[in-house]
PDB file of N, CA and C in Angstrom:
ATOM      1  N   MET A   1      27.814  80.939 184.080  1.00  0.00           N
ATOM      2  CA  MET A   1      28.929  81.699 183.573  1.00  0.00           C
ATOM      3  C   MET A   1      29.463  80.983 182.328  1.00  0.00           C
ATOM      4  N   LYS A   2      29.456  81.699 181.207  1.00  0.00           N
ATOM      5  CA  LYS A   2      29.904  81.139 179.935  1.00  0.00           C
ATOM      6  C   LYS A   2      31.072  81.982 179.409  1.00  0.00           C
ATOM      7  N   ILE A   3      32.169  81.326 179.100  1.00  0.00           N
ATOM      8  CA  ILE A   3      33.366  82.020 178.615  1.00  0.00           C
ATOM      9  C   ILE A   3      33.619  81.636 177.168  1.00  0.00           C
ATOM     10  N   GLU A   4      33.890  82.650 176.349  1.00  0.00           N
ATOM     11  CA  GLU A   4      34.238  82.427 174.944  1.00  0.00           C
ATOM     12  C   GLU A   4      35.539  83.176 174.648  1.00  0.00           C
ATOM     13  N   ILE A   5      36.532  82.451 174.139  1.00  0.00           N
ATOM     14  CA  ILE A   5      37.818  83.065 173.824  1.00  0.00           C
ATOM     15  C   ILE A   5      37.721  83.726 172.460  1.00  0.00           C
ATOM     16  N   ILE A   6      38.009  85.040 172.429  1.00  0.00           N
ATOM     17  CA  ILE A   6      37.919  85.820 171.200  1.00  0.00           C
ATOM     18  C   ILE A   6      39.240  85.822 170.448  1.00  0.00           C
ATOM     19  N   HIS A   7      40.331  86.016 171.187  1.00  0.00           N
ATOM     20  CA  HIS A   7      41.644  86.149 170.556  1.00  0.00           C
ATOM     21  C   HIS A   7      42.680  85.463 171.434  1.00  0.00           C
ATOM     22  N   GLN A   8      43.583  84.726 170.802  1.00  0.00           N
ATOM     23  CA  GLN A   8      44.648  84.044 171.527  1.00  0.00           C
ATOM     24  C   GLN A   8      45.951  84.251 170.773  1.00  0.00           C
ATOM     25  N   ARG A   9      47.006  84.613 171.535  1.00  0.00           N
ATOM     26  CA  ARG A   9      48.291  84.887 170.911  1.00  0.00           C
ATOM     27  C   ARG A   9      49.400  84.343 171.797  1.00  0.00           C
ATOM     28  N   ARG A  10      50.434  83.811 171.196  1.00  0.00           N
ATOM     29  CA  ARG A  10      51.590  83.291 171.928  1.00  0.00           C
ATOM     30  C   ARG A  10      52.685  84.350 171.951  1.00  0.00           C
ATOM     31  N   ASN A  11      53.236  84.641 173.125  1.00  0.00           N
ATOM     32  CA  ASN A  11      54.346  85.564 173.286  1.00  0.00           C
ATOM     33  C   ASN A  11      55.548  84.747 173.752  1.00  0.00           C
ATOM     34  N   GLU A  12      56.416  84.385 172.829  1.00  0.00           N
ATOM     35  CA  GLU A  12      57.570  83.541 173.137  1.00  0.00           C
ATOM     36  C   GLU A  12      58.589  84.258 174.013  1.00  0.00           C
ATOM     37  N   LEU A  13      58.742  85.553 173.829  1.00  0.00           N
ATOM     38  CA  LEU A  13      59.715  86.304 174.607  1.00  0.00           C
ATOM     39  C   LEU A  13      59.409  86.232 176.108  1.00  0.00           C
ATOM     40  N   LEU A  14      58.131  86.376 176.462  1.00  0.00           N
ATOM     41  CA  LEU A  14      57.728  86.336 177.866  1.00  0.00           C
ATOM     42  C   LEU A  14      57.217  84.962 178.302  1.00  0.00           C
ATOM     43  N   LYS A  15      57.246  83.997 177.403  1.00  0.00           N
ATOM     44  CA  LYS A  15      56.832  82.616 177.678  1.00  0.00           C
ATOM     45  C   LYS A  15      55.412  82.552 178.247  1.00  0.00           C
ATOM     46  N   ARG A  16      54.469  83.127 177.485  1.00  0.00           N
ATOM     47  CA  ARG A  16      53.081  83.123 177.914  1.00  0.00           C
ATOM     48  C   ARG A  16      52.140  83.151 176.717  1.00  0.00           C
ATOM     49  N   ASN A  17      50.880  82.756 176.977  1.00  0.00           N
ATOM     50  CA  ASN A  17      49.785  82.912 176.032  1.00  0.00           C
ATOM     51  C   ASN A  17      48.943  84.075 176.518  1.00  0.00           C
ATOM     52  N   GLU A  18      48.554  84.947 175.595  1.00  0.00           N
ATOM     53  CA  GLU A  18      47.748  86.121 175.931  1.00  0.00           C
ATOM     54  C   GLU A  18      46.363  85.934 175.323  1.00  0.00           C
ATOM     55  N   LEU A  19      45.344  85.971 176.174  1.00  0.00           N
ATOM     56  CA  LEU A  19      43.975  85.715 175.727  1.00  0.00           C
ATOM     57  C   LEU A  19      43.084  86.922 175.979  1.00  0.00           C
ATOM     58  N   ILE A  20      42.135  87.127 175.073  1.00  0.00           N
ATOM     59  CA  ILE A  20      41.037  88.062 175.269  1.00  0.00           C
ATOM     60  C   ILE A  20      39.766  87.224 175.183  1.00  0.00           C
ATOM     61  N   PHE A  21      38.871  87.412 176.143  1.00  0.00           N
ATOM     62  CA  PHE A  21      37.667  86.578 176.197  1.00  0.00           C
ATOM     63  C   PHE A  21      36.449  87.414 176.550  1.00  0.00           C
ATOM     64  N   THR A  22      35.274  86.838 176.248  1.00  0.00           N
ATOM     65  CA  THR A  22      34.019  87.414 176.709  1.00  0.00           C
ATOM     66  C   THR A  22      33.439  86.481 177.763  1.00  0.00           C
ATOM     67  N   LEU A  23      32.751  87.071 178.705  1.00  0.00           N
ATOM     68  CA  LEU A  23      32.179  86.327 179.806  1.00  0.00           C
ATOM     69  C   LEU A  23      30.714  86.718 179.931  1.00  0.00           C
ATOM     70  N   ASP A  24      29.831  85.749 179.758  1.00  0.00           N
ATOM     71  CA  ASP A  24      28.396  85.990 179.917  1.00  0.00           C
ATOM     72  C   ASP A  24      28.018  85.555 181.330  1.00  0.00           C
ATOM     73  N   HIS A  25      27.639  86.503 182.178  1.00  0.00           N
ATOM     74  CA  HIS A  25      27.310  86.207 183.573  1.00  0.00           C
ATOM     75  C   HIS A  25      25.879  86.611 183.883  1.00  0.00           C
ATOM     76  N   GLY A  26      24.974  86.185 183.046  1.00  0.00           N
ATOM     77  CA  GLY A  26      23.564  86.522 183.194  1.00  0.00           C
ATOM     78  C   GLY A  26      23.001  86.112 184.544  1.00  0.00           C
ATOM     79  N   GLY A  27      22.175  86.974 185.098  1.00  0.00           N
ATOM     80  CA  GLY A  27      21.503  86.651 186.349  1.00  0.00           C
ATOM     81  C   GLY A  27      22.216  87.121 187.595  1.00  0.00           C
ATOM     82  N   GLY A  28      23.425  87.617 187.473  1.00  0.00           N
ATOM     83  CA  GLY A  28      24.148  88.060 188.662  1.00  0.00           C
ATOM     84  C   GLY A  28      25.180  89.113 188.316  1.00  0.00           C
ATOM     85  N   GLY A  29      25.907  89.548 189.326  1.00  0.00           N
ATOM     86  CA  GLY A  29      26.949  90.539 189.118  1.00  0.00           C
ATOM     87  C   GLY A  29      28.183  89.925 188.476  1.00  0.00           C
ATOM     88  N   THR A  30      29.148  90.772 188.213  1.00  0.00           N
ATOM     89  CA  THR A  30      30.402  90.298 187.628  1.00  0.00           C
ATOM     90  C   THR A  30      31.084  89.359 188.617  1.00  0.00           C
ATOM     91  N   PRO A  31      31.462  88.154 188.186  1.00  0.00           N
ATOM     92  CA  PRO A  31      32.133  87.220 189.092  1.00  0.00           C
ATOM     93  C   PRO A  31      33.511  87.745 189.497  1.00  0.00           C
ATOM     94  N   SER A  32      34.030  87.221 190.593  1.00  0.00           N
ATOM     95  CA  SER A  32      35.348  87.646 191.060  1.00  0.00           C
ATOM     96  C   SER A  32      36.432  87.143 190.111  1.00  0.00           C
ATOM     97  N   ARG A  33      37.578  87.783 190.189  1.00  0.00           N
ATOM     98  CA  ARG A  33      38.716  87.372 189.357  1.00  0.00           C
ATOM     99  C   ARG A  33      39.075  85.920 189.611  1.00  0.00           C
ATOM    100  N   PHE A  34      39.033  85.509 190.883  1.00  0.00           N
ATOM    101  CA  PHE A  34      39.424  84.139 191.213  1.00  0.00           C
ATOM    102  C   PHE A  34      38.454  83.122 190.614  1.00  0.00           C
ATOM    103  N   GLU A  35      37.158  83.426 190.628  1.00  0.00           N
ATOM    104  CA  GLU A  35      36.171  82.521 190.024  1.00  0.00           C
ATOM    105  C   GLU A  35      36.415  82.380 188.522  1.00  0.00           C
ATOM    106  N   VAL A  36      36.711  83.493 187.863  1.00  0.00           N
ATOM    107  CA  VAL A  36      36.970  83.460 186.421  1.00  0.00           C
ATOM    108  C   VAL A  36      38.254  82.692 186.136  1.00  0.00           C
ATOM    109  N   ARG A  37      39.274  82.899 186.958  1.00  0.00           N
ATOM    110  CA  ARG A  37      40.533  82.155 186.779  1.00  0.00           C
ATOM    111  C   ARG A  37      40.304  80.650 186.901  1.00  0.00           C
ATOM    112  N   GLU A  38      39.514  80.240 187.898  1.00  0.00           N
ATOM    113  CA  GLU A  38      39.227  78.813 188.082  1.00  0.00           C
ATOM    114  C   GLU A  38      38.473  78.242 186.887  1.00  0.00           C
ATOM    115  N   LYS A  39      37.515  78.995 186.371  1.00  0.00           N
ATOM    116  CA  LYS A  39      36.748  78.538 185.210  1.00  0.00           C
ATOM    117  C   LYS A  39      37.649  78.412 183.982  1.00  0.00           C
ATOM    118  N   LEU A  40      38.520  79.406 183.758  1.00  0.00           N
ATOM    119  CA  LEU A  40      39.463  79.338 182.636  1.00  0.00           C
ATOM    120  C   LEU A  40      40.420  78.166 182.792  1.00  0.00           C
ATOM    121  N   ALA A  41      40.872  77.898 184.018  1.00  0.00           N
ATOM    122  CA  ALA A  41      41.767  76.771 184.263  1.00  0.00           C
ATOM    123  C   ALA A  41      41.090  75.452 183.892  1.00  0.00           C
ATOM    124  N   ASP A  42      39.798  75.331 184.211  1.00  0.00           N
ATOM    125  CA  ASP A  42      39.054  74.121 183.845  1.00  0.00           C
ATOM    126  C   ASP A  42      38.901  74.002 182.331  1.00  0.00           C
ATOM    127  N   ILE A  43      38.570  75.108 181.672  1.00  0.00           N
ATOM    128  CA  ILE A  43      38.351  75.085 180.226  1.00  0.00           C
ATOM    129  C   ILE A  43      39.642  74.767 179.472  1.00  0.00           C
ATOM    130  N   LEU A  44      40.744  75.420 179.877  1.00  0.00           N
ATOM    131  CA  LEU A  44      42.013  75.286 179.157  1.00  0.00           C
ATOM    132  C   LEU A  44      42.903  74.177 179.692  1.00  0.00           C
ATOM    133  N   ASN A  45      42.477  73.544 180.785  1.00  0.00           N
ATOM    134  CA  ASN A  45      43.207  72.433 181.386  1.00  0.00           C
ATOM    135  C   ASN A  45      44.630  72.839 181.789  1.00  0.00           C
ATOM    136  N   VAL A  46      44.737  73.960 182.514  1.00  0.00           N
ATOM    137  CA  VAL A  46      46.016  74.432 183.042  1.00  0.00           C
ATOM    138  C   VAL A  46      45.867  74.703 184.539  1.00  0.00           C
ATOM    139  N   ASP A  47      46.996  74.840 185.227  1.00  0.00           N
ATOM    140  CA  ASP A  47      47.002  75.138 186.649  1.00  0.00           C
ATOM    141  C   ASP A  47      46.563  76.579 186.876  1.00  0.00           C
ATOM    142  N   VAL A  48      45.686  76.803 187.839  1.00  0.00           N
ATOM    143  CA  VAL A  48      45.154  78.140 188.116  1.00  0.00           C
ATOM    144  C   VAL A  48      46.253  79.102 188.567  1.00  0.00           C
ATOM    145  N   GLN A  49      47.340  78.595 189.130  1.00  0.00           N
ATOM    146  CA  GLN A  49      48.449  79.438 189.591  1.00  0.00           C
ATOM    147  C   GLN A  49      49.217  80.081 188.439  1.00  0.00           C
ATOM    148  N   ARG A  50      49.074  79.545 187.231  1.00  0.00           N
ATOM    149  CA  ARG A  50      49.766  80.090 186.052  1.00  0.00           C
ATOM    150  C   ARG A  50      48.938  81.136 185.320  1.00  0.00           C
ATOM    151  N   ILE A  51      47.696  81.363 185.740  1.00  0.00           N
ATOM    152  CA  ILE A  51      46.794  82.294 185.065  1.00  0.00           C
ATOM    153  C   ILE A  51      46.738  83.606 185.841  1.00  0.00           C
ATOM    154  N   TYR A  52      46.953  84.710 185.132  1.00  0.00           N
ATOM    155  CA  TYR A  52      46.885  86.036 185.744  1.00  0.00           C
ATOM    156  C   TYR A  52      45.940  86.923 184.940  1.00  0.00           C
ATOM    157  N   MET A  53      44.881  87.377 185.614  1.00  0.00           N
ATOM    158  CA  MET A  53      43.879  88.237 185.006  1.00  0.00           C
ATOM    159  C   MET A  53      44.397  89.669 184.995  1.00  0.00           C
ATOM    160  N   ARG A  54      44.492  90.250 183.813  1.00  0.00           N
ATOM    161  CA  ARG A  54      44.951  91.633 183.692  1.00  0.00           C
ATOM    162  C   ARG A  54      43.795  92.616 183.860  1.00  0.00           C
ATOM    163  N   LYS A  55      42.655  92.277 183.242  1.00  0.00           N
ATOM    164  CA  LYS A  55      41.536  93.217 183.239  1.00  0.00           C
ATOM    165  C   LYS A  55      40.242  92.451 183.007  1.00  0.00           C
ATOM    166  N   ILE A  56      39.178  92.924 183.637  1.00  0.00           N
ATOM    167  CA  ILE A  56      37.839  92.416 183.353  1.00  0.00           C
ATOM    168  C   ILE A  56      36.876  93.591 183.505  1.00  0.00           C
ATOM    169  N   GLU A  57      36.127  93.870 182.455  1.00  0.00           N
ATOM    170  CA  GLU A  57      35.200  95.003 182.434  1.00  0.00           C
ATOM    171  C   GLU A  57      33.838  94.551 181.942  1.00  0.00           C
ATOM    172  N   THR A  58      32.808  94.877 182.715  1.00  0.00           N
ATOM    173  CA  THR A  58      31.446  94.587 182.289  1.00  0.00           C
ATOM    174  C   THR A  58      30.945  95.754 181.460  1.00  0.00           C
ATOM    175  N   LYS A  59      30.366  95.446 180.314  1.00  0.00           N
ATOM    176  CA  LYS A  59      29.789  96.484 179.461  1.00  0.00           C
ATOM    177  C   LYS A  59      28.552  97.045 180.147  1.00  0.00           C
ATOM    178  N   THR A  60      28.412  98.345 180.126  1.00  0.00           N
ATOM    179  CA  THR A  60      27.313  99.021 180.796  1.00  0.00           C
ATOM    180  C   THR A  60      25.960  98.540 180.282  1.00  0.00           C
ATOM    181  N   GLY A  61      25.099  98.171 181.208  1.00  0.00           N
ATOM    182  CA  GLY A  61      23.737  97.775 180.868  1.00  0.00           C
ATOM    183  C   GLY A  61      23.598  96.371 180.330  1.00  0.00           C
ATOM    184  N   SER A  62      24.646  95.573 180.421  1.00  0.00           N
ATOM    185  CA  SER A  62      24.555  94.205 179.911  1.00  0.00           C
ATOM    186  C   SER A  62      25.123  93.230 180.928  1.00  0.00           C
ATOM    187  N   MET A  63      24.975  91.981 180.647  1.00  0.00           N
ATOM    188  CA  MET A  63      25.529  90.927 181.494  1.00  0.00           C
ATOM    189  C   MET A  63      26.720  90.265 180.803  1.00  0.00           C
ATOM    190  N   THR A  64      27.459  91.052 180.041  1.00  0.00           N
ATOM    191  CA  THR A  64      28.623  90.553 179.314  1.00  0.00           C
ATOM    192  C   THR A  64      29.855  91.346 179.726  1.00  0.00           C
ATOM    193  N   ALA A  65      30.922  90.645 180.012  1.00  0.00           N
ATOM    194  CA  ALA A  65      32.187  91.287 180.377  1.00  0.00           C
ATOM    195  C   ALA A  65      33.250  90.870 179.366  1.00  0.00           C
ATOM    196  N   VAL A  66      34.246  91.733 179.205  1.00  0.00           N
ATOM    197  CA  VAL A  66      35.390  91.440 178.346  1.00  0.00           C
ATOM    198  C   VAL A  66      36.618  91.451 179.246  1.00  0.00           C
ATOM    199  N   GLY A  67      37.480  90.453 179.083  1.00  0.00           N
ATOM    200  CA  GLY A  67      38.651  90.357 179.942  1.00  0.00           C
ATOM    201  C   GLY A  67      39.906  89.989 179.187  1.00  0.00           C
ATOM    202  N   GLU A  68      41.034  90.291 179.830  1.00  0.00           N
ATOM    203  CA  GLU A  68      42.341  89.929 179.302  1.00  0.00           C
ATOM    204  C   GLU A  68      43.045  89.088 180.352  1.00  0.00           C
ATOM    205  N   VAL A  69      43.693  88.028 179.910  1.00  0.00           N
ATOM    206  CA  VAL A  69      44.381  87.128 180.822  1.00  0.00           C
ATOM    207  C   VAL A  69      45.684  86.651 180.184  1.00  0.00           C
ATOM    208  N   ASN A  70      46.699  86.443 181.036  1.00  0.00           N
ATOM    209  CA  ASN A  70      47.975  85.881 180.594  1.00  0.00           C
ATOM    210  C   ASN A  70      48.147  84.517 181.245  1.00  0.00           C
ATOM    211  N   ILE A  71      48.549  83.530 180.440  1.00  0.00           N
ATOM    212  CA  ILE A  71      48.786  82.183 180.954  1.00  0.00           C
ATOM    213  C   ILE A  71      50.260  81.863 180.717  1.00  0.00           C
ATOM    214  N   TYR A  72      50.996  81.737 181.804  1.00  0.00           N
ATOM    215  CA  TYR A  72      52.445  81.538 181.736  1.00  0.00           C
ATOM    216  C   TYR A  72      52.804  80.061 181.681  1.00  0.00           C
ATOM    217  N   ASP A  73      54.025  79.790 181.172  1.00  0.00           N
ATOM    218  CA  ASP A  73      54.523  78.420 181.114  1.00  0.00           C
ATOM    219  C   ASP A  73      54.845  77.892 182.508  1.00  0.00           C
ATOM    220  N   SER A  74      55.232  78.784 183.433  1.00  0.00           N
ATOM    221  CA  SER A  74      55.546  78.373 184.798  1.00  0.00           C
ATOM    222  C   SER A  74      55.155  79.483 185.772  1.00  0.00           C
ATOM    223  N   VAL A  75      54.971  79.116 187.029  1.00  0.00           N
ATOM    224  CA  VAL A  75      54.610  80.082 188.062  1.00  0.00           C
ATOM    225  C   VAL A  75      55.773  81.045 188.297  1.00  0.00           C
ATOM    226  N   ASP A  76      57.003  80.544 188.256  1.00  0.00           N
ATOM    227  CA  ASP A  76      58.183  81.405 188.455  1.00  0.00           C
ATOM    228  C   ASP A  76      58.269  82.475 187.378  1.00  0.00           C
ATOM    229  N   GLN A  77      57.994  82.116 186.146  1.00  0.00           N
ATOM    230  CA  GLN A  77      58.019  83.088 185.047  1.00  0.00           C
ATOM    231  C   GLN A  77      56.953  84.160 185.262  1.00  0.00           C
ATOM    232  N   ALA A  78      55.799  83.766 185.725  1.00  0.00           N
ATOM    233  CA  ALA A  78      54.717  84.726 185.973  1.00  0.00           C
ATOM    234  C   ALA A  78      55.121  85.728 187.050  1.00  0.00           C
ATOM    235  N   LYS A  79      55.712  85.247 188.126  1.00  0.00           N
ATOM    236  CA  LYS A  79      56.117  86.145 189.213  1.00  0.00           C
ATOM    237  C   LYS A  79      57.259  87.058 188.791  1.00  0.00           C
ATOM    238  N   TYR A  80      58.055  86.624 187.842  1.00  0.00           N
ATOM    239  CA  TYR A  80      59.155  87.441 187.331  1.00  0.00           C
ATOM    240  C   TYR A  80      58.640  88.559 186.420  1.00  0.00           C
ATOM    241  N   VAL A  81      57.624  88.275 185.600  1.00  0.00           N
ATOM    242  CA  VAL A  81      57.161  89.202 184.576  1.00  0.00           C
ATOM    243  C   VAL A  81      56.045  90.126 185.074  1.00  0.00           C
ATOM    244  N   GLU A  82      55.053  89.588 185.764  1.00  0.00           N
ATOM    245  CA  GLU A  82      53.877  90.376 186.146  1.00  0.00           C
ATOM    246  C   GLU A  82      54.217  91.409 187.218  1.00  0.00           C
ATOM    247  N   PRO A  83      53.623  92.610 187.123  1.00  0.00           N
ATOM    248  CA  PRO A  83      53.812  93.621 188.166  1.00  0.00           C
ATOM    249  C   PRO A  83      53.198  93.162 189.493  1.00  0.00           C
ATOM    250  N   GLU A  84      53.711  93.683 190.585  1.00  0.00           N
ATOM    251  CA  GLU A  84      53.272  93.280 191.921  1.00  0.00           C
ATOM    252  C   GLU A  84      51.772  93.508 192.128  1.00  0.00           C
ATOM    253  N   HIS A  85      51.234  94.623 191.608  1.00  0.00           N
ATOM    254  CA  HIS A  85      49.808  94.894 191.831  1.00  0.00           C
ATOM    255  C   HIS A  85      48.911  93.891 191.108  1.00  0.00           C
ATOM    256  N   ILE A  86      49.339  93.369 189.977  1.00  0.00           N
ATOM    257  CA  ILE A  86      48.556  92.343 189.267  1.00  0.00           C
ATOM    258  C   ILE A  86      48.605  91.026 190.042  1.00  0.00           C
ATOM    259  N   ILE A  87      49.754  90.692 190.582  1.00  0.00           N
ATOM    260  CA  ILE A  87      49.876  89.470 191.382  1.00  0.00           C
ATOM    261  C   ILE A  87      48.971  89.553 192.599  1.00  0.00           C
ATOM    262  N   LEU A  88      48.946  90.708 193.272  1.00  0.00           N
ATOM    263  CA  LEU A  88      48.085  90.871 194.447  1.00  0.00           C
ATOM    264  C   LEU A  88      46.601  90.814 194.087  1.00  0.00           C
ATOM    265  N   ARG A  89      46.213  91.379 192.963  1.00  0.00           N
ATOM    266  CA  ARG A  89      44.809  91.348 192.534  1.00  0.00           C
ATOM    267  C   ARG A  89      44.320  89.934 192.273  1.00  0.00           C
ATOM    268  N   ASN A  90      45.214  89.057 191.856  1.00  0.00           N
ATOM    269  CA  ASN A  90      44.820  87.700 191.483  1.00  0.00           C
ATOM    270  C   ASN A  90      44.896  86.711 192.637  1.00  0.00           C
ATOM    271  N   MET A  91      45.244  87.181 193.812  1.00  0.00           N
ATOM    272  CA  MET A  91      45.278  86.299 194.981  1.00  0.00           C
ATOM    273  C   MET A  91      43.885  86.193 195.590  1.00  0.00           C
ATOM    274  N   PRO A  92      43.536  85.041 196.155  1.00  0.00           N
ATOM    275  CA  PRO A  92      42.254  84.940 196.878  1.00  0.00           C
ATOM    276  C   PRO A  92      42.250  85.885 198.075  1.00  0.00           C
ATOM    277  N   LYS A  93      41.084  86.341 198.476  1.00  0.00           N
ATOM    278  CA  LYS A  93      40.970  87.306 199.579  1.00  0.00           C
ATOM    279  C   LYS A  93      41.572  86.771 200.873  1.00  0.00           C
ATOM    280  N   SER A  94      41.465  85.482 201.120  1.00  0.00           N
ATOM    281  CA  SER A  94      42.004  84.906 202.355  1.00  0.00           C
ATOM    282  C   SER A  94      43.528  85.049 202.413  1.00  0.00           C
ATOM    283  N   GLU A  95      44.215  84.951 201.287  1.00  0.00           N
ATOM    284  CA  GLU A  95      45.671  85.081 201.267  1.00  0.00           C
ATOM    285  C   GLU A  95      46.113  86.534 201.359  1.00  0.00           C
ATOM    286  N   LYS A  96      45.313  87.482 200.876  1.00  0.00           N
ATOM    287  CA  LYS A  96      45.679  88.897 200.921  1.00  0.00           C
ATOM    288  C   LYS A  96      45.744  89.407 202.358  1.00  0.00           C
ATOM    289  N   LYS A  97      44.865  88.946 203.223  1.00  0.00           N
ATOM    290  CA  LYS A  97      44.774  89.445 204.595  1.00  0.00           C
ATOM    291  C   LYS A  97      45.953  88.988 205.457  1.00  0.00           C
ATOM    292  N   GLU A  98      46.569  87.878 205.096  1.00  0.00           N
ATOM    293  CA  GLU A  98      47.657  87.320 205.922  1.00  0.00           C
ATOM    294  C   GLU A  98      48.933  88.077 205.795  1.00  0.00           C
TER     295      GLU A  98
END
């Protein structure tokens, strides 16, 4: 899995960085949101709890996906700004069932 950041923008009003990236996942299906979040956390050296994936779409017939992610200054700010359905989508499956 190879991630390349295409566009990065700072949103001071919402205290977050907004990223658009490409993801090359050759040899397999589209990785889960949590796997991509962990990889981005390693690349950007931030806590995975501050990263919220908005969208990830694989281009038809290719092994390349395009995604949007928001990286907040704090976990509290993320929970205040992000809609409930986005927060639920970014939780690991084990936490959703509880």
